[in-house]
Amino acid sequence: MEIEVDKTEVSKSEFKARALEYFRQVEASGESVVVTDHGKPALEVRPYRSDERDPLDVLRGSVVRFEDPTAPVDVEWEAAQ
């Protein structure tokens, strides 16, 4: 039996019955599977990634660019008294 590659969510009971198939799917595709409990995400099964990556590669694309980060903001502050 083959598992759909685009399926990313699966119930706990279905995962329990077919865990080995889902493990193989994650290994082959590199995409994670979210296991749900009563329709709410509970666990995520994803491929292992070594921590030996360059820290800058991990952060690449995650920082928002600010044109002038030291410019004053347009917000009024209330000082604690």
PDB file of N, CA and C in Angstrom:
ATOM      1  N   MET A   1       0.849  -1.185   0.000  1.00  0.00           N
ATOM      2  CA  MET A   1       0.000   0.000   0.000  1.00  0.00           C
ATOM      3  C   MET A   1       0.886   1.237   0.000  1.00  0.00           C
ATOM      4  N   GLU A   2       0.574   2.205  -0.858  1.00  0.00           N
ATOM      5  CA  GLU A   2       1.390   3.407  -0.967  1.00  0.00           C
ATOM      6  C   GLU A   2       0.692   4.583  -0.305  1.00  0.00           C
ATOM      7  N   ILE A   3       1.454   5.410   0.380  1.00  0.00           N
ATOM      8  CA  ILE A   3       0.918   6.576   1.081  1.00  0.00           C
ATOM      9  C   ILE A   3       1.019   7.785   0.166  1.00  0.00           C
ATOM     10  N   GLU A   4       0.010   8.633   0.200  1.00  0.00           N
ATOM     11  CA  GLU A   4       0.024   9.852  -0.601  1.00  0.00           C
ATOM     12  C   GLU A   4       1.156  10.758  -0.133  1.00  0.00           C
ATOM     13  N   VAL A   5       1.954  11.270  -1.079  1.00  0.00           N
ATOM     14  CA  VAL A   5       3.095  12.109  -0.739  1.00  0.00           C
ATOM     15  C   VAL A   5       2.639  13.482  -0.253  1.00  0.00           C
ATOM     16  N   ASP A   6       1.526  14.013  -0.805  1.00  0.00           N
ATOM     17  CA  ASP A   6       1.097  15.355  -0.426  1.00  0.00           C
ATOM     18  C   ASP A   6       0.346  15.382   0.898  1.00  0.00           C
ATOM     19  N   LYS A   7       0.058  14.235   1.492  1.00  0.00           N
ATOM     20  CA  LYS A   7      -0.655  14.194   2.759  1.00  0.00           C
ATOM     21  C   LYS A   7       0.325  14.508   3.881  1.00  0.00           C
ATOM     22  N   THR A   8       0.049  15.561   4.645  1.00  0.00           N
ATOM     23  CA  THR A   8       0.970  15.965   5.701  1.00  0.00           C
ATOM     24  C   THR A   8       0.377  15.773   7.091  1.00  0.00           C
ATOM     25  N   GLU A   9      -0.926  15.522   7.181  1.00  0.00           N
ATOM     26  CA  GLU A   9      -1.552  15.301   8.484  1.00  0.00           C
ATOM     27  C   GLU A   9      -2.178  13.920   8.535  1.00  0.00           C
ATOM     28  N   VAL A  10      -2.035  13.268   9.684  1.00  0.00           N
ATOM     29  CA  VAL A  10      -2.585  11.937   9.874  1.00  0.00           C
ATOM     30  C   VAL A  10      -3.018  11.800  11.332  1.00  0.00           C
ATOM     31  N   SER A  11      -4.116  11.097  11.573  1.00  0.00           N
ATOM     32  CA  SER A  11      -4.600  10.911  12.941  1.00  0.00           C
ATOM     33  C   SER A  11      -3.683   9.944  13.693  1.00  0.00           C
ATOM     34  N   LYS A  12      -3.734  10.005  15.029  1.00  0.00           N
ATOM     35  CA  LYS A  12      -2.914   9.110  15.842  1.00  0.00           C
ATOM     36  C   LYS A  12      -3.224   7.649  15.548  1.00  0.00           C
ATOM     37  N   SER A  13      -4.497   7.315  15.419  1.00  0.00           N
ATOM     38  CA  SER A  13      -4.866   5.917  15.184  1.00  0.00           C
ATOM     39  C   SER A  13      -4.351   5.421  13.836  1.00  0.00           C
ATOM     40  N   GLU A  14      -4.428   6.260  12.796  1.00  0.00           N
ATOM     41  CA  GLU A  14      -3.906   5.865  11.490  1.00  0.00           C
ATOM     42  C   GLU A  14      -2.387   5.761  11.538  1.00  0.00           C
ATOM     43  N   PHE A  15      -1.734   6.695  12.239  1.00  0.00           N
ATOM     44  CA  PHE A  15      -0.281   6.651  12.345  1.00  0.00           C
ATOM     45  C   PHE A  15       0.162   5.381  13.056  1.00  0.00           C
ATOM     46  N   LYS A  16      -0.554   5.024  14.123  1.00  0.00           N
ATOM     47  CA  LYS A  16      -0.212   3.824  14.883  1.00  0.00           C
ATOM     48  C   LYS A  16      -0.271   2.587  13.992  1.00  0.00           C
ATOM     49  N   ALA A  17      -1.294   2.495  13.161  1.00  0.00           N
ATOM     50  CA  ALA A  17      -1.468   1.330  12.300  1.00  0.00           C
ATOM     51  C   ALA A  17      -0.440   1.267  11.169  1.00  0.00           C
ATOM     52  N   ARG A  18       0.068   2.414  10.734  1.00  0.00           N
ATOM     53  CA  ARG A  18       0.944   2.453   9.561  1.00  0.00           C
ATOM     54  C   ARG A  18       2.235   3.225   9.814  1.00  0.00           C
ATOM     55  N   ALA A  19       2.728   3.209  11.041  1.00  0.00           N
ATOM     56  CA  ALA A  19       3.896   4.013  11.425  1.00  0.00           C
ATOM     57  C   ALA A  19       5.109   3.756  10.535  1.00  0.00           C
ATOM     58  N   LEU A  20       5.432   2.495  10.284  1.00  0.00           N
ATOM     59  CA  LEU A  20       6.617   2.179   9.484  1.00  0.00           C
ATOM     60  C   LEU A  20       6.508   2.771   8.080  1.00  0.00           C
ATOM     61  N   GLU A  21       5.317   2.740   7.491  1.00  0.00           N
ATOM     62  CA  GLU A  21       5.121   3.342   6.169  1.00  0.00           C
ATOM     63  C   GLU A  21       5.363   4.852   6.211  1.00  0.00           C
ATOM     64  N   TYR A  22       4.869   5.500   7.261  1.00  0.00           N
ATOM     65  CA  TYR A  22       5.078   6.952   7.380  1.00  0.00           C
ATOM     66  C   TYR A  22       6.547   7.282   7.616  1.00  0.00           C
ATOM     67  N   PHE A  23       7.238   6.461   8.412  1.00  0.00           N
ATOM     68  CA  PHE A  23       8.675   6.678   8.614  1.00  0.00           C
ATOM     69  C   PHE A  23       9.408   6.605   7.280  1.00  0.00           C
ATOM     70  N   ARG A  24       9.076   5.612   6.483  1.00  0.00           N
ATOM     71  CA  ARG A  24       9.736   5.461   5.178  1.00  0.00           C
ATOM     72  C   ARG A  24       9.410   6.633   4.264  1.00  0.00           C
ATOM     73  N   GLN A  25       8.168   7.119   4.336  1.00  0.00           N
ATOM     74  CA  GLN A  25       7.765   8.266   3.512  1.00  0.00           C
ATOM     75  C   GLN A  25       8.574   9.503   3.895  1.00  0.00           C
ATOM     76  N   VAL A  26       8.726   9.741   5.181  1.00  0.00           N
ATOM     77  CA  VAL A  26       9.486  10.906   5.653  1.00  0.00           C
ATOM     78  C   VAL A  26      10.941  10.793   5.209  1.00  0.00           C
ATOM     79  N   GLU A  27      11.513   9.600   5.344  1.00  0.00           N
ATOM     80  CA  GLU A  27      12.901   9.399   4.915  1.00  0.00           C
ATOM     81  C   GLU A  27      13.067   9.633   3.415  1.00  0.00           C
ATOM     82  N   ALA A  28      12.137   9.145   2.632  1.00  0.00           N
ATOM     83  CA  ALA A  28      12.254   9.234   1.172  1.00  0.00           C
ATOM     84  C   ALA A  28      11.981  10.638   0.650  1.00  0.00           C
ATOM     85  N   SER A  29      10.961  11.297   1.195  1.00  0.00           N
ATOM     86  CA  SER A  29      10.563  12.604   0.654  1.00  0.00           C
ATOM     87  C   SER A  29      11.260  13.771   1.338  1.00  0.00           C
ATOM     88  N   GLY A  30      11.664  13.577   2.599  1.00  0.00           N
ATOM     89  CA  GLY A  30      12.262  14.678   3.352  1.00  0.00           C
ATOM     90  C   GLY A  30      11.229  15.624   3.925  1.00  0.00           C
ATOM     91  N   GLU A  31       9.946  15.342   3.716  1.00  0.00           N
ATOM     92  CA  GLU A  31       8.873  16.192   4.237  1.00  0.00           C
ATOM     93  C   GLU A  31       8.323  15.605   5.531  1.00  0.00           C
ATOM     94  N   SER A  32       7.900  16.482   6.422  1.00  0.00           N
ATOM     95  CA  SER A  32       7.410  16.028   7.717  1.00  0.00           C
ATOM     96  C   SER A  32       5.955  15.581   7.640  1.00  0.00           C
ATOM     97  N   VAL A  33       5.551  14.787   8.631  1.00  0.00           N
ATOM     98  CA  VAL A  33       4.173  14.329   8.785  1.00  0.00           C
ATOM     99  C   VAL A  33       3.694  14.820  10.141  1.00  0.00           C
ATOM    100  N   VAL A  34       2.536  15.473  10.166  1.00  0.00           N
ATOM    101  CA  VAL A  34       1.961  15.970  11.412  1.00  0.00           C
ATOM    102  C   VAL A  34       0.932  14.956  11.885  1.00  0.00           C
ATOM    103  N   VAL A  35       1.090  14.506  13.134  1.00  0.00           N
ATOM    104  CA  VAL A  35       0.160  13.553  13.731  1.00  0.00           C
ATOM    105  C   VAL A  35      -0.826  14.341  14.573  1.00  0.00           C
ATOM    106  N   THR A  36      -2.124  14.106  14.329  1.00  0.00           N
ATOM    107  CA  THR A  36      -3.152  14.876  15.019  1.00  0.00           C
ATOM    108  C   THR A  36      -3.848  14.052  16.096  1.00  0.00           C
ATOM    109  N   ASP A  37      -4.354  14.745  17.093  1.00  0.00           N
ATOM    110  CA  ASP A  37      -5.141  14.142  18.167  1.00  0.00           C
ATOM    111  C   ASP A  37      -6.465  14.897  18.205  1.00  0.00           C
ATOM    112  N   HIS A  38      -7.539  14.231  17.836  1.00  0.00           N
ATOM    113  CA  HIS A  38      -8.865  14.849  17.745  1.00  0.00           C
ATOM    114  C   HIS A  38      -8.844  16.070  16.818  1.00  0.00           C
ATOM    115  N   GLY A  39      -8.118  15.941  15.704  1.00  0.00           N
ATOM    116  CA  GLY A  39      -8.075  16.991  14.701  1.00  0.00           C
ATOM    117  C   GLY A  39      -7.093  18.116  14.970  1.00  0.00           C
ATOM    118  N   LYS A  40      -6.411  18.091  16.116  1.00  0.00           N
ATOM    119  CA  LYS A  40      -5.443  19.140  16.445  1.00  0.00           C
ATOM    120  C   LYS A  40      -4.033  18.570  16.369  1.00  0.00           C
ATOM    121  N   PRO A  41      -3.096  19.317  15.786  1.00  0.00           N
ATOM    122  CA  PRO A  41      -1.717  18.826  15.689  1.00  0.00           C
ATOM    123  C   PRO A  41      -1.142  18.505  17.065  1.00  0.00           C
ATOM    124  N   ALA A  42      -0.540  17.325  17.186  1.00  0.00           N
ATOM    125  CA  ALA A  42       0.045  16.892  18.458  1.00  0.00           C
ATOM    126  C   ALA A  42       1.539  16.604  18.329  1.00  0.00           C
ATOM    127  N   LEU A  43       1.952  16.012  17.216  1.00  0.00           N
ATOM    128  CA  LEU A  43       3.350  15.620  17.012  1.00  0.00           C
ATOM    129  C   LEU A  43       3.750  15.900  15.573  1.00  0.00           C
ATOM    130  N   GLU A  44       5.052  16.039  15.373  1.00  0.00           N
ATOM    131  CA  GLU A  44       5.577  16.177  14.022  1.00  0.00           C
ATOM    132  C   GLU A  44       6.707  15.185  13.850  1.00  0.00           C
ATOM    133  N   VAL A  45       6.628  14.378  12.816  1.00  0.00           N
ATOM    134  CA  VAL A  45       7.688  13.434  12.481  1.00  0.00           C
ATOM    135  C   VAL A  45       8.409  14.026  11.289  1.00  0.00           C
ATOM    136  N   ARG A  46       9.693  14.283  11.460  1.00  0.00           N
ATOM    137  CA  ARG A  46      10.464  14.902  10.386  1.00  0.00           C
ATOM    138  C   ARG A  46      11.842  14.271  10.301  1.00  0.00           C
ATOM    139  N   PRO A  47      12.519  14.432   9.181  1.00  0.00           N
ATOM    140  CA  PRO A  47      13.852  13.843   9.035  1.00  0.00           C
ATOM    141  C   PRO A  47      14.833  14.466  10.021  1.00  0.00           C
ATOM    142  N   TYR A  48      15.780  13.671  10.473  1.00  0.00           N
ATOM    143  CA  TYR A  48      16.829  14.166  11.359  1.00  0.00           C
ATOM    144  C   TYR A  48      17.786  15.036  10.562  1.00  0.00           C
ATOM    145  N   ARG A  49      18.134  16.163  11.152  1.00  0.00           N
ATOM    146  CA  ARG A  49      19.123  17.052  10.532  1.00  0.00           C
ATOM    147  C   ARG A  49      20.252  17.268  11.525  1.00  0.00           C
ATOM    148  N   SER A  50      21.446  17.022  11.087  1.00  0.00           N
ATOM    149  CA  SER A  50      22.611  17.170  11.943  1.00  0.00           C
ATOM    150  C   SER A  50      22.803  18.625  12.352  1.00  0.00           C
ATOM    151  N   ASP A  51      23.284  18.846  13.565  1.00  0.00           N
ATOM    152  CA  ASP A  51      23.549  20.192  14.060  1.00  0.00           C
ATOM    153  C   ASP A  51      24.877  20.736  13.551  1.00  0.00           C
ATOM    154  N   GLU A  52      25.519  20.017  12.666  1.00  0.00           N
ATOM    155  CA  GLU A  52      26.821  20.431  12.155  1.00  0.00           C
ATOM    156  C   GLU A  52      26.705  21.464  11.038  1.00  0.00           C
ATOM    157  N   ARG A  53      25.527  22.049  10.879  1.00  0.00           N
ATOM    158  CA  ARG A  53      25.355  23.074   9.848  1.00  0.00           C
ATOM    159  C   ARG A  53      25.927  24.405  10.335  1.00  0.00           C
ATOM    160  N   ASP A  54      26.326  25.227   9.404  1.00  0.00           N
ATOM    161  CA  ASP A  54      26.823  26.562   9.710  1.00  0.00           C
ATOM    162  C   ASP A  54      25.681  27.385  10.309  1.00  0.00           C
ATOM    163  N   PRO A  55      25.884  28.012  11.470  1.00  0.00           N
ATOM    164  CA  PRO A  55      24.816  28.793  12.101  1.00  0.00           C
ATOM    165  C   PRO A  55      24.228  29.864  11.194  1.00  0.00           C
ATOM    166  N   LEU A  56      25.031  30.440  10.316  1.00  0.00           N
ATOM    167  CA  LEU A  56      24.512  31.447   9.396  1.00  0.00           C
ATOM    168  C   LEU A  56      23.566  30.825   8.373  1.00  0.00           C
ATOM    169  N   ASP A  57      23.830  29.583   7.976  1.00  0.00           N
ATOM    170  CA  ASP A  57      22.923  28.896   7.057  1.00  0.00           C
ATOM    171  C   ASP A  57      21.584  28.626   7.718  1.00  0.00           C
ATOM    172  N   VAL A  58      21.610  28.329   9.005  1.00  0.00           N
ATOM    173  CA  VAL A  58      20.371  28.067   9.748  1.00  0.00           C
ATOM    174  C   VAL A  58      19.513  29.325   9.793  1.00  0.00           C
ATOM    175  N   LEU A  59      20.142  30.490   9.960  1.00  0.00           N
ATOM    176  CA  LEU A  59      19.410  31.749  10.087  1.00  0.00           C
ATOM    177  C   LEU A  59      19.100  32.430   8.748  1.00  0.00           C
ATOM    178  N   ARG A  60      19.761  31.989   7.694  1.00  0.00           N
ATOM    179  CA  ARG A  60      19.593  32.640   6.393  1.00  0.00           C
ATOM    180  C   ARG A  60      18.124  32.686   5.984  1.00  0.00           C
ATOM    181  N   GLY A  61      17.648  33.888   5.640  1.00  0.00           N
ATOM    182  CA  GLY A  61      16.270  34.064   5.210  1.00  0.00           C
ATOM    183  C   GLY A  61      15.280  34.265   6.338  1.00  0.00           C
ATOM    184  N   SER A  62      15.746  34.236   7.578  1.00  0.00           N
ATOM    185  CA  SER A  62      14.818  34.364   8.701  1.00  0.00           C
ATOM    186  C   SER A  62      14.807  35.768   9.309  1.00  0.00           C
ATOM    187  N   VAL A  63      15.696  36.631   8.859  1.00  0.00           N
ATOM    188  CA  VAL A  63      15.788  37.971   9.427  1.00  0.00           C
ATOM    189  C   VAL A  63      15.117  38.968   8.488  1.00  0.00           C
ATOM    190  N   VAL A  64      14.295  39.828   9.067  1.00  0.00           N
ATOM    191  CA  VAL A  64      13.622  40.861   8.282  1.00  0.00           C
ATOM    192  C   VAL A  64      14.601  42.009   8.077  1.00  0.00           C
ATOM    193  N   ARG A  65      14.588  42.574   6.907  1.00  0.00           N
ATOM    194  CA  ARG A  65      15.517  43.670   6.611  1.00  0.00           C
ATOM    195  C   ARG A  65      14.883  44.995   7.009  1.00  0.00           C
ATOM    196  N   PHE A  66      15.627  45.788   7.751  1.00  0.00           N
ATOM    197  CA  PHE A  66      15.189  47.121   8.144  1.00  0.00           C
ATOM    198  C   PHE A  66      16.075  48.139   7.452  1.00  0.00           C
ATOM    199  N   GLU A  67      15.455  49.116   6.806  1.00  0.00           N
ATOM    200  CA  GLU A  67      16.212  50.147   6.103  1.00  0.00           C
ATOM    201  C   GLU A  67      16.974  51.036   7.090  1.00  0.00           C
ATOM    202  N   ASP A  68      16.325  51.441   8.176  1.00  0.00           N
ATOM    203  CA  ASP A  68      16.951  52.313   9.160  1.00  0.00           C
ATOM    204  C   ASP A  68      16.571  51.833  10.562  1.00  0.00           C
ATOM    205  N   PRO A  69      17.267  50.827  11.088  1.00  0.00           N
ATOM    206  CA  PRO A  69      16.882  50.233  12.368  1.00  0.00           C
ATOM    207  C   PRO A  69      17.019  51.179  13.565  1.00  0.00           C
ATOM    208  N   THR A  70      17.768  52.268  13.425  1.00  0.00           N
ATOM    209  CA  THR A  70      17.937  53.188  14.560  1.00  0.00           C
ATOM    210  C   THR A  70      16.992  54.373  14.492  1.00  0.00           C
ATOM    211  N   ALA A  71      16.140  54.421  13.489  1.00  0.00           N
ATOM    212  CA  ALA A  71      15.180  55.531  13.358  1.00  0.00           C
ATOM    213  C   ALA A  71      14.127  55.441  14.462  1.00  0.00           C
ATOM    214  N   PRO A  72      13.666  56.587  14.957  1.00  0.00           N
ATOM    215  CA  PRO A  72      12.637  56.562  16.003  1.00  0.00           C
ATOM    216  C   PRO A  72      11.340  55.955  15.470  1.00  0.00           C
ATOM    217  N   VAL A  73      10.617  55.290  16.363  1.00  0.00           N
ATOM    218  CA  VAL A  73       9.337  54.714  15.978  1.00  0.00           C
ATOM    219  C   VAL A  73       8.233  55.725  16.213  1.00  0.00           C
ATOM    220  N   ASP A  74       7.153  55.559  15.506  1.00  0.00           N
ATOM    221  CA  ASP A  74       6.044  56.501  15.582  1.00  0.00           C
ATOM    222  C   ASP A  74       5.005  56.024  16.605  1.00  0.00           C
ATOM    223  N   VAL A  75       5.460  55.752  17.836  1.00  0.00           N
ATOM    224  CA  VAL A  75       4.573  55.240  18.871  1.00  0.00           C
ATOM    225  C   VAL A  75       4.769  56.055  20.137  1.00  0.00           C
ATOM    226  N   GLU A  76       3.668  56.425  20.786  1.00  0.00           N
ATOM    227  CA  GLU A  76       3.792  57.129  22.073  1.00  0.00           C
ATOM    228  C   GLU A  76       3.972  56.126  23.186  1.00  0.00           C
ATOM    229  N   TRP A  77       4.897  56.426  24.084  1.00  0.00           N
ATOM    230  CA  TRP A  77       5.185  55.525  25.194  1.00  0.00           C
ATOM    231  C   TRP A  77       4.658  56.156  26.480  1.00  0.00           C
ATOM    232  N   GLU A  78       4.164  55.314  27.356  1.00  0.00           N
ATOM    233  CA  GLU A  78       3.771  55.780  28.689  1.00  0.00           C
ATOM    234  C   GLU A  78       4.831  55.315  29.664  1.00  0.00           C
ATOM    235  N   ALA A  79       5.396  56.271  30.388  1.00  0.00           N
ATOM    236  CA  ALA A  79       6.430  55.929  31.358  1.00  0.00           C
ATOM    237  C   ALA A  79       5.779  55.480  32.670  1.00  0.00           C
ATOM    238  N   ALA A  80       6.385  54.478  33.277  1.00  0.00           N
ATOM    239  CA  ALA A  80       5.896  54.017  34.584  1.00  0.00           C
ATOM    240  C   ALA A  80       6.259  55.059  35.641  1.00  0.00           C
ATOM    241  N   GLN A  81       5.335  55.328  36.549  1.00  0.00           N
ATOM    242  CA  GLN A  81       5.606  56.348  37.568  1.00  0.00           C
ATOM    243  C   GLN A  81       5.767  55.755  38.922  1.00  0.00           C
TER     244      GLN A  81
END
